[in-house]
PDB file of N, CA and C in Angstrom:
ATOM      1  N   MET A   1     105.866  -3.885   5.895  1.00  0.00           N
ATOM      2  CA  MET A   1     106.424  -3.985   7.234  1.00  0.00           C
ATOM      3  C   MET A   1     107.518  -5.050   7.245  1.00  0.00           C
ATOM      4  N   TYR A   2     108.465  -4.892   8.126  1.00  0.00           N
ATOM      5  CA  TYR A   2     109.580  -5.843   8.252  1.00  0.00           C
ATOM      6  C   TYR A   2     109.352  -6.757   9.431  1.00  0.00           C
ATOM      7  N   GLU A   3     109.664  -8.012   9.236  1.00  0.00           N
ATOM      8  CA  GLU A   3     109.562  -8.986  10.314  1.00  0.00           C
ATOM      9  C   GLU A   3     110.893  -9.034  11.062  1.00  0.00           C
ATOM     10  N   ILE A   4     110.852  -8.850  12.366  1.00  0.00           N
ATOM     11  CA  ILE A   4     112.053  -8.905  13.200  1.00  0.00           C
ATOM     12  C   ILE A   4     112.222 -10.325  13.709  1.00  0.00           C
ATOM     13  N   GLU A   5     113.443 -10.865  13.529  1.00  0.00           N
ATOM     14  CA  GLU A   5     113.723 -12.247  13.932  1.00  0.00           C
ATOM     15  C   GLU A   5     114.883 -12.274  14.922  1.00  0.00           C
ATOM     16  N   ASN A   6     114.887 -13.269  15.762  1.00  0.00           N
ATOM     17  CA  ASN A   6     115.947 -13.464  16.753  1.00  0.00           C
ATOM     18  C   ASN A   6     116.719 -14.743  16.462  1.00  0.00           C
ATOM     19  N   ASP A   7     117.946 -14.806  16.977  1.00  0.00           N
ATOM     20  CA  ASP A   7     118.780 -16.011  16.945  1.00  0.00           C
ATOM     21  C   ASP A   7     119.083 -16.514  15.534  1.00  0.00           C
ATOM     22  N   ILE A   8     119.276 -15.605  14.590  1.00  0.00           N
ATOM     23  CA  ILE A   8     119.707 -15.972  13.245  1.00  0.00           C
ATOM     24  C   ILE A   8     121.221 -15.776  13.211  1.00  0.00           C
ATOM     25  N   PRO A   9     122.001 -16.863  13.008  1.00  0.00           N
ATOM     26  CA  PRO A   9     123.459 -16.717  13.034  1.00  0.00           C
ATOM     27  C   PRO A   9     123.977 -15.913  11.835  1.00  0.00           C
ATOM     28  N   LEU A  10     125.053 -15.169  12.068  1.00  0.00           N
ATOM     29  CA  LEU A  10     125.696 -14.429  10.993  1.00  0.00           C
ATOM     30  C   LEU A  10     126.415 -15.394  10.063  1.00  0.00           C
ATOM     31  N   PRO A  11     126.460 -15.114   8.786  1.00  0.00           N
ATOM     32  CA  PRO A  11     127.204 -15.978   7.870  1.00  0.00           C
ATOM     33  C   PRO A  11     128.698 -15.847   8.111  1.00  0.00           C
ATOM     34  N   ASN A  12     129.418 -16.921   7.852  1.00  0.00           N
ATOM     35  CA  ASN A  12     130.867 -16.905   7.999  1.00  0.00           C
ATOM     36  C   ASN A  12     131.455 -16.272   6.748  1.00  0.00           C
ATOM     37  N   ARG A  13     131.902 -15.042   6.859  1.00  0.00           N
ATOM     38  CA  ARG A  13     132.415 -14.316   5.694  1.00  0.00           C
ATOM     39  C   ARG A  13     133.935 -14.239   5.662  1.00  0.00           C
ATOM     40  N   THR A  14     134.598 -14.870   6.575  1.00  0.00           N
ATOM     41  CA  THR A  14     136.042 -14.755   6.608  1.00  0.00           C
ATOM     42  C   THR A  14     136.717 -15.872   5.824  1.00  0.00           C
ATOM     43  N   LYS A  15     137.479 -15.495   4.828  1.00  0.00           N
ATOM     44  CA  LYS A  15     138.252 -16.468   4.066  1.00  0.00           C
ATOM     45  C   LYS A  15     139.518 -16.852   4.818  1.00  0.00           C
ATOM     46  N   PHE A  16     139.910 -16.003   5.749  1.00  0.00           N
ATOM     47  CA  PHE A  16     141.208 -16.171   6.388  1.00  0.00           C
ATOM     48  C   PHE A  16     141.098 -16.597   7.844  1.00  0.00           C
ATOM     49  N   GLY A  17     140.039 -17.307   8.187  1.00  0.00           N
ATOM     50  CA  GLY A  17     139.861 -17.812   9.545  1.00  0.00           C
ATOM     51  C   GLY A  17     140.960 -18.772   9.960  1.00  0.00           C
ATOM     52  N   PHE A  18     141.608 -19.407   8.989  1.00  0.00           N
ATOM     53  CA  PHE A  18     142.688 -20.343   9.306  1.00  0.00           C
ATOM     54  C   PHE A  18     143.857 -19.646   9.992  1.00  0.00           C
ATOM     55  N   LEU A  19     143.973 -18.327   9.861  1.00  0.00           N
ATOM     56  CA  LEU A  19     145.063 -17.614  10.519  1.00  0.00           C
ATOM     57  C   LEU A  19     144.970 -17.734  12.031  1.00  0.00           C
ATOM     58  N   ASN A  20     143.761 -17.802  12.563  1.00  0.00           N
ATOM     59  CA  ASN A  20     143.569 -17.946  14.006  1.00  0.00           C
ATOM     60  C   ASN A  20     144.013 -19.318  14.500  1.00  0.00           C
ATOM     61  N   GLU A  21     144.013 -20.316  13.613  1.00  0.00           N
ATOM     62  CA  GLU A  21     144.400 -21.673  13.992  1.00  0.00           C
ATOM     63  C   GLU A  21     145.888 -21.933  13.802  1.00  0.00           C
ATOM     64  N   LEU A  22     146.574 -21.032  13.109  1.00  0.00           N
ATOM     65  CA  LEU A  22     147.999 -21.180  12.852  1.00  0.00           C
ATOM     66  C   LEU A  22     148.771 -21.060  14.165  1.00  0.00           C
ATOM     67  N   LYS A  23     149.672 -21.992  14.430  1.00  0.00           N
ATOM     68  CA  LYS A  23     150.465 -21.978  15.658  1.00  0.00           C
ATOM     69  C   LYS A  23     151.785 -21.255  15.417  1.00  0.00           C
ATOM     70  N   VAL A  24     152.374 -20.737  16.493  1.00  0.00           N
ATOM     71  CA  VAL A  24     153.657 -20.058  16.407  1.00  0.00           C
ATOM     72  C   VAL A  24     154.678 -20.993  15.762  1.00  0.00           C
ATOM     73  N   GLY A  25     155.383 -20.491  14.756  1.00  0.00           N
ATOM     74  CA  GLY A  25     156.382 -21.271  14.041  1.00  0.00           C
ATOM     75  C   GLY A  25     155.862 -21.904  12.763  1.00  0.00           C
ATOM     76  N   GLN A  26     154.548 -21.992  12.612  1.00  0.00           N
ATOM     77  CA  GLN A  26     153.996 -22.547  11.381  1.00  0.00           C
ATOM     78  C   GLN A  26     154.001 -21.481  10.292  1.00  0.00           C
ATOM     79  N   SER A  27     154.050 -21.930   9.035  1.00  0.00           N
ATOM     80  CA  SER A  27     154.100 -20.991   7.922  1.00  0.00           C
ATOM     81  C   SER A  27     153.361 -21.551   6.710  1.00  0.00           C
ATOM     82  N   PHE A  28     153.185 -20.692   5.723  1.00  0.00           N
ATOM     83  CA  PHE A  28     152.570 -21.093   4.460  1.00  0.00           C
ATOM     84  C   PHE A  28     153.102 -20.190   3.361  1.00  0.00           C
ATOM     85  N   VAL A  29     152.965 -20.646   2.124  1.00  0.00           N
ATOM     86  CA  VAL A  29     153.462 -19.913   0.960  1.00  0.00           C
ATOM     87  C   VAL A  29     152.283 -19.302   0.217  1.00  0.00           C
ATOM     88  N   VAL A  30     152.450 -18.045  -0.200  1.00  0.00           N
ATOM     89  CA  VAL A  30     151.431 -17.359  -0.998  1.00  0.00           C
ATOM     90  C   VAL A  30     152.074 -16.808  -2.263  1.00  0.00           C
ATOM     91  N   PRO A  31     151.320 -16.749  -3.346  1.00  0.00           N
ATOM     92  CA  PRO A  31     151.871 -16.168  -4.578  1.00  0.00           C
ATOM     93  C   PRO A  31     151.949 -14.647  -4.469  1.00  0.00           C
ATOM     94  N   ILE A  32     152.944 -14.084  -5.105  1.00  0.00           N
ATOM     95  CA  ILE A  32     153.084 -12.626  -5.152  1.00  0.00           C
ATOM     96  C   ILE A  32     152.030 -12.083  -6.117  1.00  0.00           C
ATOM     97  N   ILE A  33     151.282 -11.103  -5.640  1.00  0.00           N
ATOM     98  CA  ILE A  33     150.269 -10.444  -6.459  1.00  0.00           C
ATOM     99  C   ILE A  33     150.704  -8.985  -6.617  1.00  0.00           C
ATOM    100  N   GLY A  34     151.004  -8.582  -7.822  1.00  0.00           N
ATOM    101  CA  GLY A  34     151.513  -7.228  -8.045  1.00  0.00           C
ATOM    102  C   GLY A  34     152.989  -7.177  -7.723  1.00  0.00           C
ATOM    103  N   SER A  35     153.328  -6.606  -6.566  1.00  0.00           N
ATOM    104  CA  SER A  35     154.721  -6.540  -6.140  1.00  0.00           C
ATOM    105  C   SER A  35     154.895  -7.318  -4.840  1.00  0.00           C
ATOM    106  N   ALA A  36     156.136  -7.684  -4.545  1.00  0.00           N
ATOM    107  CA  ALA A  36     156.420  -8.432  -3.317  1.00  0.00           C
ATOM    108  C   ALA A  36     156.059  -7.609  -2.090  1.00  0.00           C
ATOM    109  N   GLY A  37     156.419  -6.334  -2.088  1.00  0.00           N
ATOM    110  CA  GLY A  37     156.126  -5.477  -0.941  1.00  0.00           C
ATOM    111  C   GLY A  37     154.645  -5.328  -0.678  1.00  0.00           C
ATOM    112  N   LYS A  38     153.882  -5.189  -1.734  1.00  0.00           N
ATOM    113  CA  LYS A  38     152.426  -5.053  -1.611  1.00  0.00           C
ATOM    114  C   LYS A  38     151.816  -6.331  -1.025  1.00  0.00           C
ATOM    115  N   THR A  39     152.281  -7.482  -1.508  1.00  0.00           N
ATOM    116  CA  THR A  39     151.782  -8.764  -1.011  1.00  0.00           C
ATOM    117  C   THR A  39     152.161  -8.959   0.456  1.00  0.00           C
ATOM    118  N   GLN A  40     153.389  -8.599   0.821  1.00  0.00           N
ATOM    119  CA  GLN A  40     153.822  -8.722   2.210  1.00  0.00           C
ATOM    120  C   GLN A  40     152.983  -7.830   3.117  1.00  0.00           C
ATOM    121  N   ASN A  41     152.729  -6.601   2.712  1.00  0.00           N
ATOM    122  CA  ASN A  41     151.902  -5.693   3.511  1.00  0.00           C
ATOM    123  C   ASN A  41     150.476  -6.203   3.647  1.00  0.00           C
ATOM    124  N   LEU A  42     149.942  -6.779   2.584  1.00  0.00           N
ATOM    125  CA  LEU A  42     148.590  -7.322   2.615  1.00  0.00           C
ATOM    126  C   LEU A  42     148.462  -8.413   3.674  1.00  0.00           C
ATOM    127  N   TRP A  43     149.405  -9.359   3.677  1.00  0.00           N
ATOM    128  CA  TRP A  43     149.337 -10.458   4.639  1.00  0.00           C
ATOM    129  C   TRP A  43     149.643  -9.991   6.055  1.00  0.00           C
ATOM    130  N   THR A  44     150.555  -9.047   6.216  1.00  0.00           N
ATOM    131  CA  THR A  44     150.833  -8.507   7.543  1.00  0.00           C
ATOM    132  C   THR A  44     149.585  -7.860   8.128  1.00  0.00           C
ATOM    133  N   SER A  45     148.830  -7.141   7.305  1.00  0.00           N
ATOM    134  CA  SER A  45     147.611  -6.494   7.806  1.00  0.00           C
ATOM    135  C   SER A  45     146.531  -7.515   8.149  1.00  0.00           C
ATOM    136  N   ARG A  46     146.473  -8.629   7.409  1.00  0.00           N
ATOM    137  CA  ARG A  46     145.491  -9.678   7.734  1.00  0.00           C
ATOM    138  C   ARG A  46     145.774 -10.296   9.105  1.00  0.00           C
ATOM    139  N   PHE A  47     147.030 -10.387   9.460  1.00  0.00           N
ATOM    140  CA  PHE A  47     147.393 -10.872  10.785  1.00  0.00           C
ATOM    141  C   PHE A  47     147.118  -9.795  11.840  1.00  0.00           C
ATOM    142  N   ARG A  48     147.480  -8.557  11.533  1.00  0.00           N
ATOM    143  CA  ARG A  48     147.373  -7.466  12.503  1.00  0.00           C
ATOM    144  C   ARG A  48     145.947  -7.282  13.004  1.00  0.00           C
ATOM    145  N   VAL A  49     144.950  -7.391  12.126  1.00  0.00           N
ATOM    146  CA  VAL A  49     143.559  -7.207  12.549  1.00  0.00           C
ATOM    147  C   VAL A  49     143.113  -8.305  13.511  1.00  0.00           C
ATOM    148  N   ARG A  50     143.862  -9.403  13.563  1.00  0.00           N
ATOM    149  CA  ARG A  50     143.571 -10.502  14.492  1.00  0.00           C
ATOM    150  C   ARG A  50     144.486 -10.478  15.716  1.00  0.00           C
ATOM    151  N   ASN A  51     145.269  -9.406  15.852  1.00  0.00           N
ATOM    152  CA  ASN A  51     146.241  -9.275  16.953  1.00  0.00           C
ATOM    153  C   ASN A  51     147.233 -10.428  16.982  1.00  0.00           C
ATOM    154  N   ILE A  52     147.675 -10.857  15.807  1.00  0.00           N
ATOM    155  CA  ILE A  52     148.664 -11.925  15.668  1.00  0.00           C
ATOM    156  C   ILE A  52     149.864 -11.325  14.948  1.00  0.00           C
ATOM    157  N   LYS A  53     151.061 -11.712  15.359  1.00  0.00           N
ATOM    158  CA  LYS A  53     152.271 -11.200  14.712  1.00  0.00           C
ATOM    159  C   LYS A  53     152.780 -12.211  13.694  1.00  0.00           C
ATOM    160  N   CYS A  54     153.290 -11.681  12.592  1.00  0.00           N
ATOM    161  CA  CYS A  54     153.860 -12.538  11.554  1.00  0.00           C
ATOM    162  C   CYS A  54     155.092 -11.873  10.974  1.00  0.00           C
ATOM    163  N   THR A  55     155.827 -12.647  10.221  1.00  0.00           N
ATOM    164  CA  THR A  55     156.920 -12.121   9.424  1.00  0.00           C
ATOM    165  C   THR A  55     156.837 -12.765   8.050  1.00  0.00           C
ATOM    166  N   THR A  56     157.370 -12.088   7.049  1.00  0.00           N
ATOM    167  CA  THR A  56     157.296 -12.587   5.685  1.00  0.00           C
ATOM    168  C   THR A  56     158.677 -12.566   5.054  1.00  0.00           C
ATOM    169  N   GLN A  57     158.866 -13.418   4.077  1.00  0.00           N
ATOM    170  CA  GLN A  57     160.129 -13.460   3.337  1.00  0.00           C
ATOM    171  C   GLN A  57     159.855 -13.886   1.909  1.00  0.00           C
ATOM    172  N   LYS A  58     160.402 -13.148   0.963  1.00  0.00           N
ATOM    173  CA  LYS A  58     160.300 -13.531  -0.441  1.00  0.00           C
ATOM    174  C   LYS A  58     161.194 -14.749  -0.647  1.00  0.00           C
ATOM    175  N   ILE A  59     160.642 -15.851  -1.151  1.00  0.00           N
ATOM    176  CA  ILE A  59     161.426 -17.076  -1.289  1.00  0.00           C
ATOM    177  C   ILE A  59     161.859 -17.336  -2.728  1.00  0.00           C
ATOM    178  N   ASP A  60     161.169 -16.760  -3.689  1.00  0.00           N
ATOM    179  CA  ASP A  60     161.590 -16.803  -5.087  1.00  0.00           C
ATOM    180  C   ASP A  60     160.846 -15.692  -5.823  1.00  0.00           C
ATOM    181  N   GLU A  61     160.953 -15.658  -7.114  1.00  0.00           N
ATOM    182  CA  GLU A  61     160.356 -14.567  -7.893  1.00  0.00           C
ATOM    183  C   GLU A  61     158.828 -14.535  -7.848  1.00  0.00           C
ATOM    184  N   ASN A  62     158.214 -15.658  -7.479  1.00  0.00           N
ATOM    185  CA  ASN A  62     156.753 -15.745  -7.544  1.00  0.00           C
ATOM    186  C   ASN A  62     156.058 -15.971  -6.212  1.00  0.00           C
ATOM    187  N   ASN A  63     156.809 -16.211  -5.126  1.00  0.00           N
ATOM    188  CA  ASN A  63     156.184 -16.618  -3.866  1.00  0.00           C
ATOM    189  C   ASN A  63     156.804 -15.941  -2.650  1.00  0.00           C
ATOM    190  N   ILE A  64     155.965 -15.836  -1.623  1.00  0.00           N
ATOM    191  CA  ILE A  64     156.372 -15.319  -0.315  1.00  0.00           C
ATOM    192  C   ILE A  64     155.956 -16.329   0.738  1.00  0.00           C
ATOM    193  N   ARG A  65     156.819 -16.540   1.729  1.00  0.00           N
ATOM    194  CA  ARG A  65     156.470 -17.398   2.858  1.00  0.00           C
ATOM    195  C   ARG A  65     156.066 -16.486   4.014  1.00  0.00           C
ATOM    196  N   VAL A  66     154.984 -16.870   4.711  1.00  0.00           N
ATOM    197  CA  VAL A  66     154.463 -16.115   5.849  1.00  0.00           C
ATOM    198  C   VAL A  66     154.520 -17.014   7.083  1.00  0.00           C
ATOM    199  N   TRP A  67     155.180 -16.541   8.156  1.00  0.00           N
ATOM    200  CA  TRP A  67     155.300 -17.273   9.414  1.00  0.00           C
ATOM    201  C   TRP A  67     154.528 -16.562  10.514  1.00  0.00           C
ATOM    202  N   ARG A  68     153.892 -17.332  11.379  1.00  0.00           N
ATOM    203  CA  ARG A  68     153.343 -16.765  12.611  1.00  0.00           C
ATOM    204  C   ARG A  68     154.481 -16.755  13.619  1.00  0.00           C
ATOM    205  N   ILE A  69     154.737 -15.619  14.243  1.00  0.00           N
ATOM    206  CA  ILE A  69     155.856 -15.516  15.190  1.00  0.00           C
ATOM    207  C   ILE A  69     155.420 -15.240  16.619  1.00  0.00           C
ATOM    208  N   LYS A  70     154.185 -14.857  16.843  1.00  0.00           N
ATOM    209  CA  LYS A  70     153.718 -14.594  18.205  1.00  0.00           C
ATOM    210  C   LYS A  70     152.220 -14.681  18.272  1.00  0.00           C
TER     211      LYS A  70
END
């Protein structure tokens, strides 16, 4: 039989919770993984699921800068 329990908090499984704390105009640099376009799409989708808008720009051969814009 299974024991049913109440008021057990869910574990924090989000690695990207800091995106919610990012203010408009703030940015950070991420390494390119695979291709620049793939990395840009990955980060754009991480913002989109939180209803936050961002823009990205390739800054050199190995890195992309991500800005919160809205």
